[in-house]
Amino acid sequence: MINSTTSTDRAVPTPPVAPAGHSGTRPLTQRPDQLSTENVEHLKAALAAQPEIRPEVVERAKALAADPEYPSLDILKRVSGMILAAPDLSEDQS
């Protein structure tokens, strides 16, 4: 099995660290939603600099597609368990 080295969506987030002398508790305050567009041009440029096709990802996909052991039995069992445990939204009366 080939392990992913490009995906970051599976990383466990680290908890924030309180500054020295800080109690760690802070009252929650309501703030209005805000949208900042000051970095939009930078983001557009960064996106434009990315290749449309990433050959290393294509090669990884080909290798996974050719691997009869992918996905592993453990992964299939976990996914099927999640599907079975999920509520049937077609029966939701709300």
Protein backbone atom coordinates (compact mmCIF):
# COMPACT_ATOMS: atom_id res chain seq x y z
CA MET A 1 0.00 0.00 0.00
CA ILE A 2 1.25 3.47 -0.82
CA ASN A 3 0.90 6.00 1.99
CA SER A 4 -0.04 9.53 1.10
CA THR A 5 2.53 12.23 1.62
CA THR A 6 0.59 15.01 -0.06
CA SER A 7 -2.65 15.09 1.90
CA THR A 8 -2.89 17.43 4.86
CA ASP A 9 -6.57 16.98 5.59
CA ARG A 10 -5.81 13.99 7.83
CA ALA A 11 -3.37 15.82 10.09
CA VAL A 12 -4.32 16.09 13.73
CA PRO A 13 -4.48 19.75 14.71
CA THR A 14 -2.28 20.82 17.58
CA PRO A 15 -4.01 22.55 20.46
CA PRO A 16 -3.21 26.23 20.94
CA VAL A 17 -0.64 27.11 23.57
CA ALA A 18 -1.48 29.86 26.07
CA PRO A 19 1.18 32.52 26.66
CA ALA A 20 3.09 32.35 29.95
CA GLY A 21 1.08 33.80 32.82
CA HIS A 22 -2.20 33.38 30.95
CA SER A 23 -4.95 31.43 32.69
CA GLY A 24 -5.99 29.71 29.46
CA THR A 25 -9.63 30.70 29.77
CA ARG A 26 -11.06 33.52 27.76
CA PRO A 27 -14.68 34.57 27.60
CA LEU A 28 -16.29 33.92 24.25
CA THR A 29 -17.49 37.06 22.54
CA GLN A 30 -19.83 37.36 19.62
CA ARG A 31 -18.30 39.07 16.62
CA PRO A 32 -19.95 39.81 13.30
CA ASP A 33 -18.83 37.74 10.31
CA GLN A 34 -16.07 39.39 8.34
CA LEU A 35 -14.61 38.86 4.89
CA SER A 36 -11.22 40.21 3.98
CA THR A 37 -10.22 40.35 0.33
CA GLU A 38 -6.82 41.95 0.86
CA ASN A 39 -4.95 38.74 -0.04
CA VAL A 40 -7.13 37.72 -2.97
CA GLU A 41 -4.59 38.72 -5.63
CA HIS A 42 -1.84 36.83 -3.80
CA LEU A 43 -4.06 33.75 -3.60
CA LYS A 44 -4.95 34.00 -7.29
CA ALA A 45 -1.27 34.26 -8.22
CA ALA A 46 -0.38 31.27 -6.02
CA LEU A 47 -3.15 29.23 -7.63
CA ALA A 48 -2.07 30.24 -11.14
CA ALA A 49 1.49 29.12 -10.31
CA GLN A 50 0.30 25.58 -9.55
CA PRO A 51 0.48 23.12 -12.43
CA GLU A 52 -2.87 22.00 -13.81
CA ILE A 53 -1.69 18.38 -13.84
CA ARG A 54 0.65 17.13 -11.14
CA PRO A 55 2.59 14.16 -12.58
CA GLU A 56 3.53 12.77 -9.14
CA VAL A 57 -0.15 12.62 -8.16
CA VAL A 58 -1.07 10.96 -11.46
CA GLU A 59 1.65 8.33 -10.93
CA ARG A 60 0.43 7.69 -7.38
CA ALA A 61 -3.13 7.25 -8.64
CA LYS A 62 -1.96 4.81 -11.30
CA ALA A 63 -0.04 2.80 -8.70
CA LEU A 64 -3.04 2.69 -6.37
CA ALA A 65 -5.39 1.67 -9.18
CA ALA A 66 -3.06 -1.20 -10.10
CA ASP A 67 -2.68 -2.39 -6.49
CA PRO A 68 -5.17 -5.21 -5.77
CA GLU A 69 -4.65 -4.66 -2.03
CA TYR A 70 -5.84 -1.04 -2.19
CA PRO A 71 -7.88 -0.03 -0.35
CA SER A 72 -6.98 -2.36 2.47
CA LEU A 73 -9.55 -4.62 4.11
CA ASP A 74 -9.25 -2.51 7.28
CA ILE A 75 -10.15 0.67 5.40
CA LEU A 76 -13.10 -1.04 3.69
CA LYS A 77 -14.40 -2.30 7.04
CA ARG A 78 -14.10 1.14 8.64
CA VAL A 79 -15.83 2.91 5.75
CA SER A 80 -18.61 0.32 5.60
CA GLY A 81 -19.07 0.65 9.37
CA MET A 82 -19.40 4.42 9.05
CA ILE A 83 -21.97 4.00 6.28
CA LEU A 84 -23.99 1.55 8.36
CA ALA A 85 -23.80 3.79 11.44
CA ALA A 86 -24.87 6.92 9.53
CA PRO A 87 -28.50 7.97 10.03
CA ASP A 88 -30.92 7.39 7.17
CA LEU A 89 -31.76 10.97 6.21
CA SER A 90 -34.61 9.82 3.96
CA GLU A 91 -36.52 8.93 7.15
CA ASP A 92 -35.93 12.33 8.75
CA GLN A 93 -39.31 13.97 9.43
CA SER A 94 -37.96 17.41 10.38
